[in-house]
Amino acid sequence: MKRQTLRILVSGLVQGVGYRRWAWIKAVSLGIDGQVRNLADGRVEILAEAEDTPLRTFIGLLREGPRLAQVTGLEVEPYPANSHYWRRFEVR
């Protein structure tokens, strides 16, 4: 199957609640490459590269988030593939 890259913006109470580390754990367990980082506007940005099935599972998990998070929105859009940058999933 073909790998794809998605940009995922998560809004709500997602900073200061362990969301990035939680997303990292989920991504690594699913074999997803990419990165997660906080944005200045309070959202979390995730660039995720994998095949379709792990990405769909990951997106479902991101909607829930860790116990202390309150996810109110999730925007998902295609992103140019950058597999030459990512060999794993990173927290930034």
PDB file of N, CA and C in Angstrom:
ATOM      1  N   MET A   1       0.825  -1.181   0.000  1.00  0.00           N
ATOM      2  CA  MET A   1       0.000   0.000   0.000  1.00  0.00           C
ATOM      3  C   MET A   1       0.872   1.248   0.000  1.00  0.00           C
ATOM      4  N   LYS A   2       0.306   2.318  -0.469  1.00  0.00           N
ATOM      5  CA  LYS A   2       1.034   3.574  -0.570  1.00  0.00           C
ATOM      6  C   LYS A   2       0.949   4.376   0.731  1.00  0.00           C
ATOM      7  N   ARG A   3       2.086   4.930   1.123  1.00  0.00           N
ATOM      8  CA  ARG A   3       2.124   5.795   2.294  1.00  0.00           C
ATOM      9  C   ARG A   3       1.634   7.185   1.905  1.00  0.00           C
ATOM     10  N   GLN A   4       1.028   7.841   2.863  1.00  0.00           N
ATOM     11  CA  GLN A   4       0.591   9.209   2.651  1.00  0.00           C
ATOM     12  C   GLN A   4       0.941  10.029   3.879  1.00  0.00           C
ATOM     13  N   THR A   5       0.964  11.342   3.709  1.00  0.00           N
ATOM     14  CA  THR A   5       1.259  12.246   4.809  1.00  0.00           C
ATOM     15  C   THR A   5       0.064  13.158   5.025  1.00  0.00           C
ATOM     16  N   LEU A   6      -0.312  13.321   6.291  1.00  0.00           N
ATOM     17  CA  LEU A   6      -1.431  14.186   6.656  1.00  0.00           C
ATOM     18  C   LEU A   6      -0.963  15.235   7.646  1.00  0.00           C
ATOM     19  N   ARG A   7      -1.561  16.418   7.544  1.00  0.00           N
ATOM     20  CA  ARG A   7      -1.395  17.457   8.557  1.00  0.00           C
ATOM     21  C   ARG A   7      -2.682  17.461   9.372  1.00  0.00           C
ATOM     22  N   ILE A   8      -2.533  17.301  10.680  1.00  0.00           N
ATOM     23  CA  ILE A   8      -3.683  17.221  11.574  1.00  0.00           C
ATOM     24  C   ILE A   8      -3.561  18.335  12.606  1.00  0.00           C
ATOM     25  N   LEU A   9      -4.578  19.171  12.686  1.00  0.00           N
ATOM     26  CA  LEU A   9      -4.618  20.246  13.677  1.00  0.00           C
ATOM     27  C   LEU A   9      -5.659  19.889  14.720  1.00  0.00           C
ATOM     28  N   VAL A  10      -5.232  19.842  15.963  1.00  0.00           N
ATOM     29  CA  VAL A  10      -6.102  19.453  17.065  1.00  0.00           C
ATOM     30  C   VAL A  10      -6.361  20.684  17.926  1.00  0.00           C
ATOM     31  N   SER A  11      -7.639  20.985  18.160  1.00  0.00           N
ATOM     32  CA  SER A  11      -7.974  22.137  18.992  1.00  0.00           C
ATOM     33  C   SER A  11      -8.744  21.705  20.227  1.00  0.00           C
ATOM     34  N   GLY A  12      -8.787  22.614  21.194  1.00  0.00           N
ATOM     35  CA  GLY A  12      -9.420  22.350  22.470  1.00  0.00           C
ATOM     36  C   GLY A  12      -8.404  22.534  23.577  1.00  0.00           C
ATOM     37  N   LEU A  13      -8.607  21.859  24.688  1.00  0.00           N
ATOM     38  CA  LEU A  13      -7.622  21.869  25.771  1.00  0.00           C
ATOM     39  C   LEU A  13      -6.624  20.757  25.468  1.00  0.00           C
ATOM     40  N   VAL A  14      -5.592  21.109  24.695  1.00  0.00           N
ATOM     41  CA  VAL A  14      -4.640  20.095  24.223  1.00  0.00           C
ATOM     42  C   VAL A  14      -3.184  20.466  24.509  1.00  0.00           C
ATOM     43  N   GLN A  15      -2.964  21.590  25.165  1.00  0.00           N
ATOM     44  CA  GLN A  15      -1.616  21.956  25.594  1.00  0.00           C
ATOM     45  C   GLN A  15      -1.565  21.950  27.113  1.00  0.00           C
ATOM     46  N   GLY A  16      -0.449  21.457  27.642  1.00  0.00           N
ATOM     47  CA  GLY A  16      -0.295  21.394  29.090  1.00  0.00           C
ATOM     48  C   GLY A  16      -0.990  20.202  29.738  1.00  0.00           C
ATOM     49  N   VAL A  17      -1.426  19.254  28.919  1.00  0.00           N
ATOM     50  CA  VAL A  17      -2.129  18.073  29.442  1.00  0.00           C
ATOM     51  C   VAL A  17      -1.487  16.761  28.982  1.00  0.00           C
ATOM     52  N   GLY A  18      -0.280  16.837  28.422  1.00  0.00           N
ATOM     53  CA  GLY A  18       0.422  15.634  27.974  1.00  0.00           C
ATOM     54  C   GLY A  18      -0.004  15.127  26.608  1.00  0.00           C
ATOM     55  N   TYR A  19      -0.663  15.966  25.830  1.00  0.00           N
ATOM     56  CA  TYR A  19      -1.178  15.519  24.526  1.00  0.00           C
ATOM     57  C   TYR A  19      -0.056  15.123  23.569  1.00  0.00           C
ATOM     58  N   ARG A  20       1.006  15.917  23.498  1.00  0.00           N
ATOM     59  CA  ARG A  20       2.096  15.594  22.557  1.00  0.00           C
ATOM     60  C   ARG A  20       2.743  14.257  22.884  1.00  0.00           C
ATOM     61  N   ARG A  21       3.061  14.038  24.136  1.00  0.00           N
ATOM     62  CA  ARG A  21       3.688  12.763  24.522  1.00  0.00           C
ATOM     63  C   ARG A  21       2.734  11.596  24.269  1.00  0.00           C
ATOM     64  N   TRP A  22       1.462  11.775  24.596  1.00  0.00           N
ATOM     65  CA  TRP A  22       0.457  10.747  24.361  1.00  0.00           C
ATOM     66  C   TRP A  22       0.364  10.430  22.863  1.00  0.00           C
ATOM     67  N   ALA A  23       0.338  11.479  22.021  1.00  0.00           N
ATOM     68  CA  ALA A  23       0.280  11.283  20.568  1.00  0.00           C
ATOM     69  C   ALA A  23       1.524  10.547  20.088  1.00  0.00           C
ATOM     70  N   TRP A  24       2.675  10.874  20.644  1.00  0.00           N
ATOM     71  CA  TRP A  24       3.928  10.201  20.285  1.00  0.00           C
ATOM     72  C   TRP A  24       3.830   8.704  20.589  1.00  0.00           C
ATOM     73  N   ILE A  25       3.348   8.365  21.765  1.00  0.00           N
ATOM     74  CA  ILE A  25       3.212   6.953  22.155  1.00  0.00           C
ATOM     75  C   ILE A  25       2.290   6.218  21.174  1.00  0.00           C
ATOM     76  N   LYS A  26       1.159   6.822  20.850  1.00  0.00           N
ATOM     77  CA  LYS A  26       0.204   6.193  19.925  1.00  0.00           C
ATOM     78  C   LYS A  26       0.813   6.047  18.533  1.00  0.00           C
ATOM     79  N   ALA A  27       1.492   7.090  18.058  1.00  0.00           N
ATOM     80  CA  ALA A  27       2.091   7.045  16.723  1.00  0.00           C
ATOM     81  C   ALA A  27       3.154   5.945  16.628  1.00  0.00           C
ATOM     82  N   VAL A  28       4.014   5.883  17.613  1.00  0.00           N
ATOM     83  CA  VAL A  28       5.073   4.864  17.617  1.00  0.00           C
ATOM     84  C   VAL A  28       4.460   3.467  17.637  1.00  0.00           C
ATOM     85  N   SER A  29       3.418   3.274  18.435  1.00  0.00           N
ATOM     86  CA  SER A  29       2.799   1.948  18.521  1.00  0.00           C
ATOM     87  C   SER A  29       2.142   1.535  17.206  1.00  0.00           C
ATOM     88  N   LEU A  30       1.742   2.519  16.386  1.00  0.00           N
ATOM     89  CA  LEU A  30       1.103   2.231  15.099  1.00  0.00           C
ATOM     90  C   LEU A  30       2.084   2.247  13.925  1.00  0.00           C
ATOM     91  N   GLY A  31       3.358   2.545  14.187  1.00  0.00           N
ATOM     92  CA  GLY A  31       4.358   2.589  13.122  1.00  0.00           C
ATOM     93  C   GLY A  31       4.251   3.829  12.244  1.00  0.00           C
ATOM     94  N   ILE A  32       3.792   4.929  12.826  1.00  0.00           N
ATOM     95  CA  ILE A  32       3.618   6.177  12.086  1.00  0.00           C
ATOM     96  C   ILE A  32       4.851   7.044  12.263  1.00  0.00           C
ATOM     97  N   ASP A  33       5.332   7.630  11.177  1.00  0.00           N
ATOM     98  CA  ASP A  33       6.447   8.571  11.211  1.00  0.00           C
ATOM     99  C   ASP A  33       5.888   9.986  11.180  1.00  0.00           C
ATOM    100  N   GLY A  34       6.682  10.953  11.649  1.00  0.00           N
ATOM    101  CA  GLY A  34       6.253  12.341  11.584  1.00  0.00           C
ATOM    102  C   GLY A  34       6.661  13.125  12.807  1.00  0.00           C
ATOM    103  N   GLN A  35       5.819  14.087  13.174  1.00  0.00           N
ATOM    104  CA  GLN A  35       6.133  14.931  14.316  1.00  0.00           C
ATOM    105  C   GLN A  35       4.864  15.523  14.912  1.00  0.00           C
ATOM    106  N   VAL A  36       4.984  15.962  16.148  1.00  0.00           N
ATOM    107  CA  VAL A  36       3.892  16.652  16.832  1.00  0.00           C
ATOM    108  C   VAL A  36       4.502  17.864  17.527  1.00  0.00           C
ATOM    109  N   ARG A  37       3.773  19.002  17.490  1.00  0.00           N
ATOM    110  CA  ARG A  37       4.270  20.197  18.156  1.00  0.00           C
ATOM    111  C   ARG A  37       3.107  21.091  18.567  1.00  0.00           C
ATOM    112  N   ASN A  38       3.354  21.918  19.581  1.00  0.00           N
ATOM    113  CA  ASN A  38       2.380  22.915  20.002  1.00  0.00           C
ATOM    114  C   ASN A  38       2.463  24.115  19.064  1.00  0.00           C
ATOM    115  N   LEU A  39       1.324  24.728  18.792  1.00  0.00           N
ATOM    116  CA  LEU A  39       1.272  25.966  18.029  1.00  0.00           C
ATOM    117  C   LEU A  39       0.982  27.123  18.983  1.00  0.00           C
ATOM    118  N   ALA A  40       1.386  28.315  18.590  1.00  0.00           N
ATOM    119  CA  ALA A  40       1.211  29.497  19.433  1.00  0.00           C
ATOM    120  C   ALA A  40      -0.260  29.804  19.710  1.00  0.00           C
ATOM    121  N   ASP A  41      -1.162  29.353  18.838  1.00  0.00           N
ATOM    122  CA  ASP A  41      -2.578  29.658  19.014  1.00  0.00           C
ATOM    123  C   ASP A  41      -3.306  28.667  19.928  1.00  0.00           C
ATOM    124  N   GLY A  42      -2.560  27.752  20.558  1.00  0.00           N
ATOM    125  CA  GLY A  42      -3.162  26.808  21.500  1.00  0.00           C
ATOM    126  C   GLY A  42      -3.492  25.454  20.908  1.00  0.00           C
ATOM    127  N   ARG A  43      -3.358  25.312  19.594  1.00  0.00           N
ATOM    128  CA  ARG A  43      -3.617  24.015  18.968  1.00  0.00           C
ATOM    129  C   ARG A  43      -2.350  23.166  18.956  1.00  0.00           C
ATOM    130  N   VAL A  44      -2.525  21.904  18.621  1.00  0.00           N
ATOM    131  CA  VAL A  44      -1.410  20.982  18.415  1.00  0.00           C
ATOM    132  C   VAL A  44      -1.413  20.601  16.943  1.00  0.00           C
ATOM    133  N   GLU A  45      -0.224  20.643  16.323  1.00  0.00           N
ATOM    134  CA  GLU A  45      -0.076  20.252  14.924  1.00  0.00           C
ATOM    135  C   GLU A  45       0.644  18.921  14.858  1.00  0.00           C
ATOM    136  N   ILE A  46       0.092  18.018  14.052  1.00  0.00           N
ATOM    137  CA  ILE A  46       0.700  16.704  13.853  1.00  0.00           C
ATOM    138  C   ILE A  46       0.896  16.490  12.365  1.00  0.00           C
ATOM    139  N   LEU A  47       2.101  16.108  11.977  1.00  0.00           N
ATOM    140  CA  LEU A  47       2.382  15.655  10.622  1.00  0.00           C
ATOM    141  C   LEU A  47       2.617  14.162  10.739  1.00  0.00           C
ATOM    142  N   ALA A  48       1.780  13.391  10.080  1.00  0.00           N
ATOM    143  CA  ALA A  48       1.806  11.934  10.238  1.00  0.00           C
ATOM    144  C   ALA A  48       1.923  11.261   8.883  1.00  0.00           C
ATOM    145  N   GLU A  49       2.877  10.345   8.772  1.00  0.00           N
ATOM    146  CA  GLU A  49       3.102   9.623   7.519  1.00  0.00           C
ATOM    147  C   GLU A  49       3.031   8.123   7.770  1.00  0.00           C
ATOM    148  N   ALA A  50       2.141   7.468   7.034  1.00  0.00           N
ATOM    149  CA  ALA A  50       1.969   6.009   7.155  1.00  0.00           C
ATOM    150  C   ALA A  50       1.006   5.554   6.068  1.00  0.00           C
ATOM    151  N   GLU A  51       0.691   4.272   6.088  1.00  0.00           N
ATOM    152  CA  GLU A  51      -0.341   3.747   5.192  1.00  0.00           C
ATOM    153  C   GLU A  51      -1.713   4.118   5.757  1.00  0.00           C
ATOM    154  N   ASP A  52      -2.737   3.912   4.959  1.00  0.00           N
ATOM    155  CA  ASP A  52      -4.091   4.365   5.280  1.00  0.00           C
ATOM    156  C   ASP A  52      -4.639   3.805   6.596  1.00  0.00           C
ATOM    157  N   THR A  53      -4.528   2.514   6.819  1.00  0.00           N
ATOM    158  CA  THR A  53      -5.140   1.906   8.000  1.00  0.00           C
ATOM    159  C   THR A  53      -4.578   2.451   9.312  1.00  0.00           C
ATOM    160  N   PRO A  54      -3.245   2.506   9.492  1.00  0.00           N
ATOM    161  CA  PRO A  54      -2.733   3.096  10.736  1.00  0.00           C
ATOM    162  C   PRO A  54      -3.129   4.566  10.892  1.00  0.00           C
ATOM    163  N   LEU A  55      -3.165   5.311   9.787  1.00  0.00           N
ATOM    164  CA  LEU A  55      -3.554   6.720   9.882  1.00  0.00           C
ATOM    165  C   LEU A  55      -4.994   6.871  10.348  1.00  0.00           C
ATOM    166  N   ARG A  56      -5.881   6.042   9.829  1.00  0.00           N
ATOM    167  CA  ARG A  56      -7.291   6.111  10.253  1.00  0.00           C
ATOM    168  C   ARG A  56      -7.424   5.784  11.750  1.00  0.00           C
ATOM    169  N   THR A  57      -6.707   4.784  12.190  1.00  0.00           N
ATOM    170  CA  THR A  57      -6.726   4.424  13.610  1.00  0.00           C
ATOM    171  C   THR A  57      -6.192   5.573  14.452  1.00  0.00           C
ATOM    172  N   PHE A  58      -5.089   6.159  14.014  1.00  0.00           N
ATOM    173  CA  PHE A  58      -4.453   7.271  14.721  1.00  0.00           C
ATOM    174  C   PHE A  58      -5.411   8.459  14.837  1.00  0.00           C
ATOM    175  N   ILE A  59      -6.080   8.806  13.745  1.00  0.00           N
ATOM    176  CA  ILE A  59      -7.020   9.925  13.760  1.00  0.00           C
ATOM    177  C   ILE A  59      -8.148   9.669  14.761  1.00  0.00           C
ATOM    178  N   GLY A  60      -8.639   8.451  14.798  1.00  0.00           N
ATOM    179  CA  GLY A  60      -9.671   8.114  15.777  1.00  0.00           C
ATOM    180  C   GLY A  60      -9.187   8.302  17.204  1.00  0.00           C
ATOM    181  N   LEU A  61      -7.962   7.897  17.476  1.00  0.00           N
ATOM    182  CA  LEU A  61      -7.391   8.069  18.808  1.00  0.00           C
ATOM    183  C   LEU A  61      -7.180   9.544  19.135  1.00  0.00           C
ATOM    184  N   LEU A  62      -6.742  10.324  18.143  1.00  0.00           N
ATOM    185  CA  LEU A  62      -6.492  11.750  18.360  1.00  0.00           C
ATOM    186  C   LEU A  62      -7.766  12.490  18.749  1.00  0.00           C
ATOM    187  N   ARG A  63      -8.911  12.039  18.251  1.00  0.00           N
ATOM    188  CA  ARG A  63     -10.188  12.668  18.610  1.00  0.00           C
ATOM    189  C   ARG A  63     -10.488  12.505  20.100  1.00  0.00           C
ATOM    190  N   GLU A  64     -10.017  11.417  20.692  1.00  0.00           N
ATOM    191  CA  GLU A  64     -10.231  11.153  22.114  1.00  0.00           C
ATOM    192  C   GLU A  64      -9.195  11.867  22.969  1.00  0.00           C
ATOM    193  N   GLY A  65      -7.918  11.713  22.619  1.00  0.00           N
ATOM    194  CA  GLY A  65      -6.834  12.320  23.381  1.00  0.00           C
ATOM    195  C   GLY A  65      -6.617  11.649  24.720  1.00  0.00           C
ATOM    196  N   PRO A  66      -5.617  12.129  25.458  1.00  0.00           N
ATOM    197  CA  PRO A  66      -5.349  11.577  26.785  1.00  0.00           C
ATOM    198  C   PRO A  66      -6.426  12.018  27.775  1.00  0.00           C
ATOM    199  N   ARG A  67      -6.384  11.457  28.944  1.00  0.00           N
ATOM    200  CA  ARG A  67      -7.415  11.653  29.963  1.00  0.00           C
ATOM    201  C   ARG A  67      -7.699  13.127  30.282  1.00  0.00           C
ATOM    202  N   LEU A  68      -6.688  13.964  30.398  1.00  0.00           N
ATOM    203  CA  LEU A  68      -6.890  15.357  30.798  1.00  0.00           C
ATOM    204  C   LEU A  68      -7.236  16.295  29.638  1.00  0.00           C
ATOM    205  N   ALA A  69      -7.101  15.824  28.413  1.00  0.00           N
ATOM    206  CA  ALA A  69      -7.377  16.671  27.246  1.00  0.00           C
ATOM    207  C   ALA A  69      -8.879  16.773  26.987  1.00  0.00           C
ATOM    208  N   GLN A  70      -9.243  17.864  26.330  1.00  0.00           N
ATOM    209  CA  GLN A  70     -10.620  18.044  25.865  1.00  0.00           C
ATOM    210  C   GLN A  70     -10.549  18.476  24.405  1.00  0.00           C
ATOM    211  N   VAL A  71     -10.630  17.522  23.511  1.00  0.00           N
ATOM    212  CA  VAL A  71     -10.526  17.791  22.080  1.00  0.00           C
ATOM    213  C   VAL A  71     -11.872  18.316  21.584  1.00  0.00           C
ATOM    214  N   THR A  72     -11.847  19.501  20.981  1.00  0.00           N
ATOM    215  CA  THR A  72     -13.076  20.085  20.448  1.00  0.00           C
ATOM    216  C   THR A  72     -13.090  20.136  18.928  1.00  0.00           C
ATOM    217  N   GLY A  73     -11.937  19.937  18.309  1.00  0.00           N
ATOM    218  CA  GLY A  73     -11.888  19.966  16.851  1.00  0.00           C
ATOM    219  C   GLY A  73     -10.670  19.260  16.310  1.00  0.00           C
ATOM    220  N   LEU A  74     -10.828  18.722  15.103  1.00  0.00           N
ATOM    221  CA  LEU A  74      -9.743  18.025  14.424  1.00  0.00           C
ATOM    222  C   LEU A  74      -9.847  18.352  12.940  1.00  0.00           C
ATOM    223  N   GLU A  75      -8.824  18.993  12.406  1.00  0.00           N
ATOM    224  CA  GLU A  75      -8.764  19.286  10.976  1.00  0.00           C
ATOM    225  C   GLU A  75      -7.710  18.380  10.358  1.00  0.00           C
ATOM    226  N   VAL A  76      -8.075  17.697   9.290  1.00  0.00           N
ATOM    227  CA  VAL A  76      -7.156  16.774   8.619  1.00  0.00           C
ATOM    228  C   VAL A  76      -7.059  17.173   7.163  1.00  0.00           C
ATOM    229  N   GLU A  77      -5.810  17.329   6.686  1.00  0.00           N
ATOM    230  CA  GLU A  77      -5.599  17.682   5.284  1.00  0.00           C
ATOM    231  C   GLU A  77      -4.356  16.982   4.750  1.00  0.00           C
ATOM    232  N   PRO A  78      -4.331  16.694   3.452  1.00  0.00           N
ATOM    233  CA  PRO A  78      -3.129  16.095   2.854  1.00  0.00           C
ATOM    234  C   PRO A  78      -1.950  17.051   3.007  1.00  0.00           C
ATOM    235  N   TYR A  79      -0.770  16.479   3.091  1.00  0.00           N
ATOM    236  CA  TYR A  79       0.460  17.255   3.251  1.00  0.00           C
ATOM    237  C   TYR A  79       1.515  16.636   2.341  1.00  0.00           C
ATOM    238  N   PRO A  80       2.377  17.453   1.709  1.00  0.00           N
ATOM    239  CA  PRO A  80       3.411  16.876   0.841  1.00  0.00           C
ATOM    240  C   PRO A  80       4.267  15.849   1.592  1.00  0.00           C
ATOM    241  N   ALA A  81       4.507  14.725   0.970  1.00  0.00           N
ATOM    242  CA  ALA A  81       5.283  13.646   1.607  1.00  0.00           C
ATOM    243  C   ALA A  81       6.696  14.100   1.905  1.00  0.00           C
ATOM    244  N   ASN A  82       7.158  13.745   3.094  1.00  0.00           N
ATOM    245  CA  ASN A  82       8.510  14.110   3.536  1.00  0.00           C
ATOM    246  C   ASN A  82       9.230  12.917   4.150  1.00  0.00           C
ATOM    247  N   SER A  83       9.061  11.742   3.571  1.00  0.00           N
ATOM    248  CA  SER A  83       9.616  10.543   4.198  1.00  0.00           C
ATOM    249  C   SER A  83      11.130  10.615   4.370  1.00  0.00           C
ATOM    250  N   HIS A  84      11.792  11.426   3.561  1.00  0.00           N
ATOM    251  CA  HIS A  84      13.241  11.526   3.709  1.00  0.00           C
ATOM    252  C   HIS A  84      13.626  12.280   4.981  1.00  0.00           C
ATOM    253  N   TYR A  85      12.709  12.981   5.611  1.00  0.00           N
ATOM    254  CA  TYR A  85      12.984  13.672   6.872  1.00  0.00           C
ATOM    255  C   TYR A  85      12.694  12.789   8.080  1.00  0.00           C
ATOM    256  N   TRP A  86      11.694  11.932   7.978  1.00  0.00           N
ATOM    257  CA  TRP A  86      11.234  11.195   9.145  1.00  0.00           C
ATOM    258  C   TRP A  86      11.584   9.721   9.052  1.00  0.00           C
ATOM    259  N   ARG A  87      12.224   9.261  10.075  1.00  0.00           N
ATOM    260  CA  ARG A  87      12.502   7.834  10.216  1.00  0.00           C
ATOM    261  C   ARG A  87      11.814   7.305  11.463  1.00  0.00           C
ATOM    262  N   ARG A  88      11.103   8.207  12.123  1.00  0.00           N
ATOM    263  CA  ARG A  88      10.411   7.890  13.368  1.00  0.00           C
ATOM    264  C   ARG A  88       9.430   9.015  13.651  1.00  0.00           C
ATOM    265  N   PHE A  89       8.830   9.006  14.817  1.00  0.00           N
ATOM    266  CA  PHE A  89       7.902  10.068  15.201  1.00  0.00           C
ATOM    267  C   PHE A  89       8.579  10.905  16.280  1.00  0.00           C
ATOM    268  N   GLU A  90       8.549  12.229  16.136  1.00  0.00           N
ATOM    269  CA  GLU A  90       9.258  13.121  17.037  1.00  0.00           C
ATOM    270  C   GLU A  90       8.302  14.102  17.722  1.00  0.00           C
ATOM    271  N   VAL A  91       8.636  14.430  18.966  1.00  0.00           N
ATOM    272  CA  VAL A  91       7.954  15.501  19.682  1.00  0.00           C
ATOM    273  C   VAL A  91       8.817  16.737  19.561  1.00  0.00           C
ATOM    274  N   ARG A  92       8.224  17.826  19.129  1.00  0.00           N
ATOM    275  CA  ARG A  92       8.983  19.073  18.978  1.00  0.00           C
ATOM    276  C   ARG A  92       8.452  20.119  19.912  1.00  0.00           C
TER     277      ARG A  92
END
